[in-house]
């Protein structure tokens, strides 16, 4: 009897997988089962979120909640990348997302950023602008305010320390030449790389960026600490003052 039940269950599961592949069932009701039967790579973004959310709220299914997360935007961006911009408070405004689920979703966004950084780490060379930008891209391109970072480097271009110098506004960074070199001296740097992001996504330097780079370069000569590069991070793009020939 028990053997027959197992056979029936196996037959039902096989039929379920076939129906999912054929699109004959309502997919939004079965994201977890779909994952088990045909793999994570077949799930849509909303289905992946539904698996994480797991339970709905009232008449709303996990899929409906997942779709609302993807559509929620306060930055002109939507989709999975928007998890980096939605705060815990923003997420809790979505019906069906409580404190625990909000924290889980933010942790997933942070894990994604760290995984991207880990993938870039093996090729990280502090003498190569593309390598530096690739490593810091995921950390900086989702920032909603301009952040200035300093990489203090040895004579052999090895990293001594990484520091955040300042956090500015949406369209303006506070790049203080004095603070940059104070930190560089404190860290015993021989070379430095300065990075900052443009939250709008376009890494093209502004007039102020050129002026800041000029001031950094001149101060570095006096301090005998070489400005190896100044990088501006955009959305999947970057600008290097060294590569552009300015330094």
C-alpha atoms as a PDB file:
ATOM      1  CA  UNK A   1       0.000   0.000   0.000  1.00  0.00           C
ATOM      2  CA  UNK A   2       2.806   2.392   1.031  1.00  0.00           C
ATOM      3  CA  UNK A   3       4.750   1.513  -2.120  1.00  0.00           C
ATOM      4  CA  UNK A   4       1.738   2.383  -4.262  1.00  0.00           C
ATOM      5  CA  UNK A   5       1.384   5.746  -2.471  1.00  0.00           C
ATOM      6  CA  UNK A   6       5.027   6.564  -3.223  1.00  0.00           C
ATOM      7  CA  UNK A   7       4.550   5.617  -6.849  1.00  0.00           C
ATOM      8  CA  UNK A   8       1.450   7.805  -7.094  1.00  0.00           C
ATOM      9  CA  UNK A   9       3.291  10.686  -5.469  1.00  0.00           C
ATOM     10  CA  UNK A  10       6.233  10.269  -7.851  1.00  0.00           C
ATOM     11  CA  UNK A  11       3.863  10.218 -10.806  1.00  0.00           C
ATOM     12  CA  UNK A  12       2.164  13.386  -9.577  1.00  0.00           C
ATOM     13  CA  UNK A  13       5.504  15.139  -9.108  1.00  0.00           C
ATOM     14  CA  UNK A  14       6.607  14.126 -12.597  1.00  0.00           C
ATOM     15  CA  UNK A  15       3.365  15.448 -14.032  1.00  0.00           C
ATOM     16  CA  UNK A  16       3.798  18.671 -12.054  1.00  0.00           C
ATOM     17  CA  UNK A  17       7.265  19.271 -13.506  1.00  0.00           C
ATOM     18  CA  UNK A  18       5.966  18.599 -17.002  1.00  0.00           C
ATOM     19  CA  UNK A  19       3.048  20.970 -16.524  1.00  0.00           C
ATOM     20  CA  UNK A  20       5.362  23.698 -15.235  1.00  0.00           C
ATOM     21  CA  UNK A  21       7.652  23.296 -18.249  1.00  0.00           C
ATOM     22  CA  UNK A  22       4.687  23.460 -20.559  1.00  0.00           C
ATOM     23  CA  UNK A  23       3.284  26.505 -18.759  1.00  0.00           C
ATOM     24  CA  UNK A  24       0.020  24.705 -18.067  1.00  0.00           C
ATOM     25  CA  UNK A  25      -0.089  25.661 -14.375  1.00  0.00           C
ATOM     26  CA  UNK A  26      -0.315  29.092 -12.780  1.00  0.00           C
ATOM     27  CA  UNK A  27       3.394  29.660 -12.098  1.00  0.00           C
ATOM     28  CA  UNK A  28       2.875  32.271  -9.416  1.00  0.00           C
ATOM     29  CA  UNK A  29       1.346  29.619  -7.149  1.00  0.00           C
ATOM     30  CA  UNK A  30       4.299  27.228  -7.488  1.00  0.00           C
ATOM     31  CA  UNK A  31       7.683  29.019  -7.304  1.00  0.00           C
ATOM     32  CA  UNK A  32       9.054  26.722  -4.583  1.00  0.00           C
ATOM     33  CA  UNK A  33       7.875  23.566  -6.368  1.00  0.00           C
ATOM     34  CA  UNK A  34       9.215  24.907  -9.666  1.00  0.00           C
ATOM     35  CA  UNK A  35      12.615  25.446  -8.049  1.00  0.00           C
ATOM     36  CA  UNK A  36      12.679  21.869  -6.779  1.00  0.00           C
ATOM     37  CA  UNK A  37      11.639  20.359 -10.098  1.00  0.00           C
ATOM     38  CA  UNK A  38      13.361  22.392 -12.802  1.00  0.00           C
ATOM     39  CA  UNK A  39      16.042  24.424 -11.049  1.00  0.00           C
ATOM     40  CA  UNK A  40      16.697  27.973  -9.854  1.00  0.00           C
ATOM     41  CA  UNK A  41      17.851  29.198 -13.264  1.00  0.00           C
ATOM     42  CA  UNK A  42      14.322  28.756 -14.643  1.00  0.00           C
ATOM     43  CA  UNK A  43      12.745  31.075 -12.080  1.00  0.00           C
ATOM     44  CA  UNK A  44      11.892  34.674 -12.858  1.00  0.00           C
ATOM     45  CA  UNK A  45      13.087  37.456 -10.546  1.00  0.00           C
ATOM     46  CA  UNK A  46       9.641  37.620  -8.948  1.00  0.00           C
ATOM     47  CA  UNK A  47       9.619  33.840  -8.413  1.00  0.00           C
ATOM     48  CA  UNK A  48      13.034  33.923  -6.740  1.00  0.00           C
ATOM     49  CA  UNK A  49      11.786  36.610  -4.388  1.00  0.00           C
ATOM     50  CA  UNK A  50       8.621  34.598  -3.740  1.00  0.00           C
ATOM     51  CA  UNK A  51      10.699  31.595  -2.633  1.00  0.00           C
ATOM     52  CA  UNK A  52      12.552  33.836  -0.158  1.00  0.00           C
ATOM     53  CA  UNK A  53       9.380  35.563   1.050  1.00  0.00           C
ATOM     54  CA  UNK A  54       7.750  32.111   1.354  1.00  0.00           C
ATOM     55  CA  UNK A  55       4.391  33.213   2.797  1.00  0.00           C
ATOM     56  CA  UNK A  56       1.859  35.745   1.615  1.00  0.00           C
ATOM     57  CA  UNK A  57      -0.339  38.173   3.476  1.00  0.00           C
ATOM     58  CA  UNK A  58      -4.116  38.017   3.488  1.00  0.00           C
ATOM     59  CA  UNK A  59      -5.225  37.551  -0.101  1.00  0.00           C
ATOM     60  CA  UNK A  60      -1.784  38.427  -1.543  1.00  0.00           C
ATOM     61  CA  UNK A  61       0.468  35.615  -2.740  1.00  0.00           C
ATOM     62  CA  UNK A  62       4.272  35.646  -2.351  1.00  0.00           C
ATOM     63  CA  UNK A  63       4.477  36.224  -6.121  1.00  0.00           C
ATOM     64  CA  UNK A  64       2.349  39.360  -5.891  1.00  0.00           C
ATOM     65  CA  UNK A  65       4.551  40.662  -3.091  1.00  0.00           C
ATOM     66  CA  UNK A  66       7.664  39.817  -5.116  1.00  0.00           C
ATOM     67  CA  UNK A  67       6.353  41.746  -8.116  1.00  0.00           C
ATOM     68  CA  UNK A  68       5.641  44.772  -5.951  1.00  0.00           C
ATOM     69  CA  UNK A  69       9.216  44.737  -4.636  1.00  0.00           C
ATOM     70  CA  UNK A  70      10.526  44.702  -8.214  1.00  0.00           C
ATOM     71  CA  UNK A  71       8.295  47.625  -9.145  1.00  0.00           C
ATOM     72  CA  UNK A  72       8.989  49.669  -6.012  1.00  0.00           C
ATOM     73  CA  UNK A  73      11.342  52.528  -6.750  1.00  0.00           C
ATOM     74  CA  UNK A  74      12.362  55.790  -5.255  1.00  0.00           C
ATOM     75  CA  UNK A  75      15.445  56.242  -7.396  1.00  0.00           C
ATOM     76  CA  UNK A  76      14.234  55.907 -10.970  1.00  0.00           C
ATOM     77  CA  UNK A  77      15.406  52.287 -10.964  1.00  0.00           C
ATOM     78  CA  UNK A  78      13.392  49.109 -10.675  1.00  0.00           C
ATOM     79  CA  UNK A  79      14.110  45.391 -10.686  1.00  0.00           C
ATOM     80  CA  UNK A  80      16.412  43.348  -8.470  1.00  0.00           C
ATOM     81  CA  UNK A  81      19.052  46.098  -8.381  1.00  0.00           C
ATOM     82  CA  UNK A  82      16.537  48.270  -6.557  1.00  0.00           C
ATOM     83  CA  UNK A  83      17.007  46.130  -3.419  1.00  0.00           C
ATOM     84  CA  UNK A  84      20.223  48.086  -2.947  1.00  0.00           C
ATOM     85  CA  UNK A  85      18.259  51.338  -2.781  1.00  0.00           C
ATOM     86  CA  UNK A  86      15.174  50.326  -0.818  1.00  0.00           C
ATOM     87  CA  UNK A  87      15.639  50.869   2.912  1.00  0.00           C
ATOM     88  CA  UNK A  88      14.227  48.609   5.615  1.00  0.00           C
ATOM     89  CA  UNK A  89      11.498  51.208   6.098  1.00  0.00           C
ATOM     90  CA  UNK A  90      10.711  51.214   2.347  1.00  0.00           C
ATOM     91  CA  UNK A  91      10.406  47.430   2.296  1.00  0.00           C
ATOM     92  CA  UNK A  92       8.154  47.371   5.357  1.00  0.00           C
ATOM     93  CA  UNK A  93       5.758  49.711   3.598  1.00  0.00           C
ATOM     94  CA  UNK A  94       4.996  46.837   1.196  1.00  0.00           C
ATOM     95  CA  UNK A  95       2.054  44.797   2.433  1.00  0.00           C
ATOM     96  CA  UNK A  96       3.277  41.346   3.430  1.00  0.00           C
ATOM     97  CA  UNK A  97       6.840  42.428   4.280  1.00  0.00           C
ATOM     98  CA  UNK A  98       7.507  42.546   8.008  1.00  0.00           C
ATOM     99  CA  UNK A  99      10.756  43.261   9.902  1.00  0.00           C
ATOM    100  CA  UNK A 100      12.208  39.756   9.437  1.00  0.00           C
ATOM    101  CA  UNK A 101      11.525  39.552   5.704  1.00  0.00           C
ATOM    102  CA  UNK A 102      12.850  43.084   5.188  1.00  0.00           C
ATOM    103  CA  UNK A 103      16.129  42.175   6.903  1.00  0.00           C
ATOM    104  CA  UNK A 104      16.416  38.968   4.853  1.00  0.00           C
ATOM    105  CA  UNK A 105      15.970  40.880   1.599  1.00  0.00           C
ATOM    106  CA  UNK A 106      18.589  43.483   2.549  1.00  0.00           C
ATOM    107  CA  UNK A 107      20.997  40.697   3.526  1.00  0.00           C
ATOM    108  CA  UNK A 108      20.504  39.114   0.101  1.00  0.00           C
ATOM    109  CA  UNK A 109      21.362  42.427  -1.564  1.00  0.00           C
ATOM    110  CA  UNK A 110      24.511  42.704   0.553  1.00  0.00           C
ATOM    111  CA  UNK A 111      25.494  39.100  -0.229  1.00  0.00           C
ATOM    112  CA  UNK A 112      25.127  39.877  -3.929  1.00  0.00           C
ATOM    113  CA  UNK A 113      27.484  42.850  -3.602  1.00  0.00           C
ATOM    114  CA  UNK A 114      30.049  40.821  -1.690  1.00  0.00           C
ATOM    115  CA  UNK A 115      29.901  37.939  -4.168  1.00  0.00           C
ATOM    116  CA  UNK A 116      30.569  40.362  -7.030  1.00  0.00           C
ATOM    117  CA  UNK A 117      33.565  41.760  -5.127  1.00  0.00           C
ATOM    118  CA  UNK A 118      34.889  38.251  -4.463  1.00  0.00           C
ATOM    119  CA  UNK A 119      34.695  37.410  -8.165  1.00  0.00           C
ATOM    120  CA  UNK A 120      36.763  40.502  -8.985  1.00  0.00           C
ATOM    121  CA  UNK A 121      39.322  40.023  -6.183  1.00  0.00           C
ATOM    122  CA  UNK A 122      41.633  37.465  -7.924  1.00  0.00           C
ATOM    123  CA  UNK A 123      42.357  39.925 -10.750  1.00  0.00           C
ATOM    124  CA  UNK A 124      42.670  43.021  -8.542  1.00  0.00           C
ATOM    125  CA  UNK A 125      45.798  45.026  -9.379  1.00  0.00           C
ATOM    126  CA  UNK A 126      46.210  48.467  -7.878  1.00  0.00           C
ATOM    127  CA  UNK A 127      48.284  49.575 -10.861  1.00  0.00           C
ATOM    128  CA  UNK A 128      45.387  48.818 -13.243  1.00  0.00           C
ATOM    129  CA  UNK A 129      42.435  51.242 -13.315  1.00  0.00           C
ATOM    130  CA  UNK A 130      40.059  48.688 -14.848  1.00  0.00           C
ATOM    131  CA  UNK A 131      40.931  46.137 -12.187  1.00  0.00           C
ATOM    132  CA  UNK A 132      40.359  48.637  -9.348  1.00  0.00           C
ATOM    133  CA  UNK A 133      37.074  49.839 -10.865  1.00  0.00           C
ATOM    134  CA  UNK A 134      35.870  46.274 -11.359  1.00  0.00           C
ATOM    135  CA  UNK A 135      36.486  45.447  -7.710  1.00  0.00           C
ATOM    136  CA  UNK A 136      34.879  48.565  -6.231  1.00  0.00           C
ATOM    137  CA  UNK A 137      32.074  48.854  -8.790  1.00  0.00           C
ATOM    138  CA  UNK A 138      29.418  46.897  -6.875  1.00  0.00           C
ATOM    139  CA  UNK A 139      30.131  48.765  -3.679  1.00  0.00           C
ATOM    140  CA  UNK A 140      30.007  52.253  -5.146  1.00  0.00           C
ATOM    141  CA  UNK A 141      27.657  52.162  -8.115  1.00  0.00           C
ATOM    142  CA  UNK A 142      24.592  51.614  -5.916  1.00  0.00           C
ATOM    143  CA  UNK A 143      25.456  54.427  -3.491  1.00  0.00           C
ATOM    144  CA  UNK A 144      22.841  57.173  -3.471  1.00  0.00           C
ATOM    145  CA  UNK A 145      25.301  59.840  -2.331  1.00  0.00           C
ATOM    146  CA  UNK A 146      28.799  60.599  -3.547  1.00  0.00           C
ATOM    147  CA  UNK A 147      31.380  58.775  -1.467  1.00  0.00           C
ATOM    148  CA  UNK A 148      35.107  59.569  -1.573  1.00  0.00           C
ATOM    149  CA  UNK A 149      37.457  56.680  -0.830  1.00  0.00           C
ATOM    150  CA  UNK A 150      41.224  56.594  -0.441  1.00  0.00           C
ATOM    151  CA  UNK A 151      43.419  53.599  -1.203  1.00  0.00           C
ATOM    152  CA  UNK A 152      46.761  53.970   0.577  1.00  0.00           C
ATOM    153  CA  UNK A 153      49.406  51.971  -1.282  1.00  0.00           C
ATOM    154  CA  UNK A 154      53.014  50.930  -0.740  1.00  0.00           C
ATOM    155  CA  UNK A 155      55.936  51.651  -3.083  1.00  0.00           C
ATOM    156  CA  UNK A 156      55.092  48.357  -4.835  1.00  0.00           C
ATOM    157  CA  UNK A 157      51.439  49.331  -5.250  1.00  0.00           C
ATOM    158  CA  UNK A 158      50.221  46.936  -2.577  1.00  0.00           C
ATOM    159  CA  UNK A 159      47.230  47.971  -0.476  1.00  0.00           C
ATOM    160  CA  UNK A 160      48.074  49.284   3.000  1.00  0.00           C
ATOM    161  CA  UNK A 161      44.619  50.560   3.915  1.00  0.00           C
ATOM    162  CA  UNK A 162      41.239  51.545   2.489  1.00  0.00           C
ATOM    163  CA  UNK A 163      39.501  54.604   3.960  1.00  0.00           C
ATOM    164  CA  UNK A 164      36.289  56.538   3.417  1.00  0.00           C
ATOM    165  CA  UNK A 165      37.228  60.211   3.399  1.00  0.00           C
ATOM    166  CA  UNK A 166      33.771  61.738   3.082  1.00  0.00           C
ATOM    167  CA  UNK A 167      30.150  61.192   2.050  1.00  0.00           C
ATOM    168  CA  UNK A 168      28.553  64.047   0.139  1.00  0.00           C
ATOM    169  CA  UNK A 169      25.178  64.685  -1.446  1.00  0.00           C
ATOM    170  CA  UNK A 170      23.412  63.148  -4.423  1.00  0.00           C
ATOM    171  CA  UNK A 171      25.359  65.243  -6.937  1.00  0.00           C
ATOM    172  CA  UNK A 172      28.336  66.567  -4.993  1.00  0.00           C
ATOM    173  CA  UNK A 173      31.233  64.971  -3.149  1.00  0.00           C
ATOM    174  CA  UNK A 174      33.326  66.597  -0.456  1.00  0.00           C
ATOM    175  CA  UNK A 175      36.851  65.900  -1.671  1.00  0.00           C
ATOM    176  CA  UNK A 176      39.233  67.577   0.754  1.00  0.00           C
ATOM    177  CA  UNK A 177      42.868  67.500  -0.373  1.00  0.00           C
ATOM    178  CA  UNK A 178      43.960  68.112   3.210  1.00  0.00           C
ATOM    179  CA  UNK A 179      41.973  65.154   4.599  1.00  0.00           C
ATOM    180  CA  UNK A 180      43.165  62.843   1.820  1.00  0.00           C
ATOM    181  CA  UNK A 181      46.839  63.485   2.566  1.00  0.00           C
ATOM    182  CA  UNK A 182      46.380  63.502   6.320  1.00  0.00           C
ATOM    183  CA  UNK A 183      45.015  59.977   6.025  1.00  0.00           C
ATOM    184  CA  UNK A 184      47.690  58.965   3.507  1.00  0.00           C
ATOM    185  CA  UNK A 185      50.478  60.125   5.845  1.00  0.00           C
ATOM    186  CA  UNK A 186      48.816  58.389   8.801  1.00  0.00           C
ATOM    187  CA  UNK A 187      48.740  55.141   6.826  1.00  0.00           C
ATOM    188  CA  UNK A 188      52.345  55.496   5.624  1.00  0.00           C
ATOM    189  CA  UNK A 189      51.338  55.587   1.951  1.00  0.00           C
ATOM    190  CA  UNK A 190      53.855  56.075  -0.855  1.00  0.00           C
ATOM    191  CA  UNK A 191      51.185  55.983  -3.589  1.00  0.00           C
ATOM    192  CA  UNK A 192      47.469  56.703  -3.393  1.00  0.00           C
ATOM    193  CA  UNK A 193      44.387  56.096  -5.514  1.00  0.00           C
ATOM    194  CA  UNK A 194      41.304  58.222  -4.898  1.00  0.00           C
ATOM    195  CA  UNK A 195      37.858  56.950  -5.901  1.00  0.00           C
ATOM    196  CA  UNK A 196      34.445  58.521  -5.847  1.00  0.00           C
ATOM    197  CA  UNK A 197      31.107  57.601  -7.381  1.00  0.00           C
ATOM    198  CA  UNK A 198      28.533  59.474  -9.450  1.00  0.00           C
ATOM    199  CA  UNK A 199      25.094  58.308  -8.235  1.00  0.00           C
ATOM    200  CA  UNK A 200      23.518  59.363 -11.536  1.00  0.00           C
ATOM    201  CA  UNK A 201      25.498  56.595 -13.252  1.00  0.00           C
ATOM    202  CA  UNK A 202      27.535  58.744 -15.674  1.00  0.00           C
ATOM    203  CA  UNK A 203      31.231  58.716 -14.664  1.00  0.00           C
ATOM    204  CA  UNK A 204      32.146  61.696 -16.858  1.00  0.00           C
ATOM    205  CA  UNK A 205      34.207  64.134 -14.748  1.00  0.00           C
ATOM    206  CA  UNK A 206      32.802  67.545 -13.861  1.00  0.00           C
ATOM    207  CA  UNK A 207      34.757  70.783 -13.776  1.00  0.00           C
ATOM    208  CA  UNK A 208      35.056  70.337 -10.005  1.00  0.00           C
ATOM    209  CA  UNK A 209      36.440  66.807 -10.492  1.00  0.00           C
ATOM    210  CA  UNK A 210      39.227  68.184 -12.697  1.00  0.00           C
ATOM    211  CA  UNK A 211      39.976  70.903 -10.167  1.00  0.00           C
ATOM    212  CA  UNK A 212      40.076  68.397  -7.299  1.00  0.00           C
ATOM    213  CA  UNK A 213      42.410  66.115  -9.256  1.00  0.00           C
ATOM    214  CA  UNK A 214      44.734  69.013 -10.026  1.00  0.00           C
ATOM    215  CA  UNK A 215      44.837  69.975  -6.339  1.00  0.00           C
ATOM    216  CA  UNK A 216      45.514  66.368  -5.312  1.00  0.00           C
ATOM    217  CA  UNK A 217      48.296  66.029  -7.859  1.00  0.00           C
ATOM    218  CA  UNK A 218      50.045  69.244  -6.796  1.00  0.00           C
ATOM    219  CA  UNK A 219      49.734  68.443  -3.090  1.00  0.00           C
ATOM    220  CA  UNK A 220      51.109  64.967  -3.726  1.00  0.00           C
ATOM    221  CA  UNK A 221      54.256  66.412  -5.267  1.00  0.00           C
ATOM    222  CA  UNK A 222      54.847  68.534  -2.163  1.00  0.00           C
ATOM    223  CA  UNK A 223      54.102  65.615   0.175  1.00  0.00           C
ATOM    224  CA  UNK A 224      56.138  63.179  -1.933  1.00  0.00           C
ATOM    225  CA  UNK A 225      53.138  60.870  -2.131  1.00  0.00           C
ATOM    226  CA  UNK A 226      52.234  60.038  -5.723  1.00  0.00           C
ATOM    227  CA  UNK A 227      48.642  60.285  -6.888  1.00  0.00           C
ATOM    228  CA  UNK A 228      48.571  57.081  -8.933  1.00  0.00           C
ATOM    229  CA  UNK A 229      45.003  57.643 -10.147  1.00  0.00           C
ATOM    230  CA  UNK A 230      41.665  59.261  -9.474  1.00  0.00           C
ATOM    231  CA  UNK A 231      38.743  57.063 -10.509  1.00  0.00           C
ATOM    232  CA  UNK A 232      35.098  57.997 -10.919  1.00  0.00           C
ATOM    233  CA  UNK A 233      32.693  55.073 -10.667  1.00  0.00           C
ATOM    234  CA  UNK A 234      29.434  55.115 -12.619  1.00  0.00           C
ATOM    235  CA  UNK A 235      26.863  52.427 -13.346  1.00  0.00           C
ATOM    236  CA  UNK A 236      28.898  49.587 -14.869  1.00  0.00           C
ATOM    237  CA  UNK A 237      31.375  52.178 -16.154  1.00  0.00           C
ATOM    238  CA  UNK A 238      34.236  54.265 -14.857  1.00  0.00           C
ATOM    239  CA  UNK A 239      36.549  57.145 -15.718  1.00  0.00           C
ATOM    240  CA  UNK A 240      40.276  57.096 -14.956  1.00  0.00           C
ATOM    241  CA  UNK A 241      42.255  60.342 -14.930  1.00  0.00           C
ATOM    242  CA  UNK A 242      45.411  58.243 -15.444  1.00  0.00           C
ATOM    243  CA  UNK A 243      44.024  56.418 -18.483  1.00  0.00           C
ATOM    244  CA  UNK A 244      42.732  59.688 -19.922  1.00  0.00           C
ATOM    245  CA  UNK A 245      46.271  61.095 -19.864  1.00  0.00           C
ATOM    246  CA  UNK A 246      45.480  63.794 -17.313  1.00  0.00           C
ATOM    247  CA  UNK A 247      47.877  62.361 -14.712  1.00  0.00           C
END
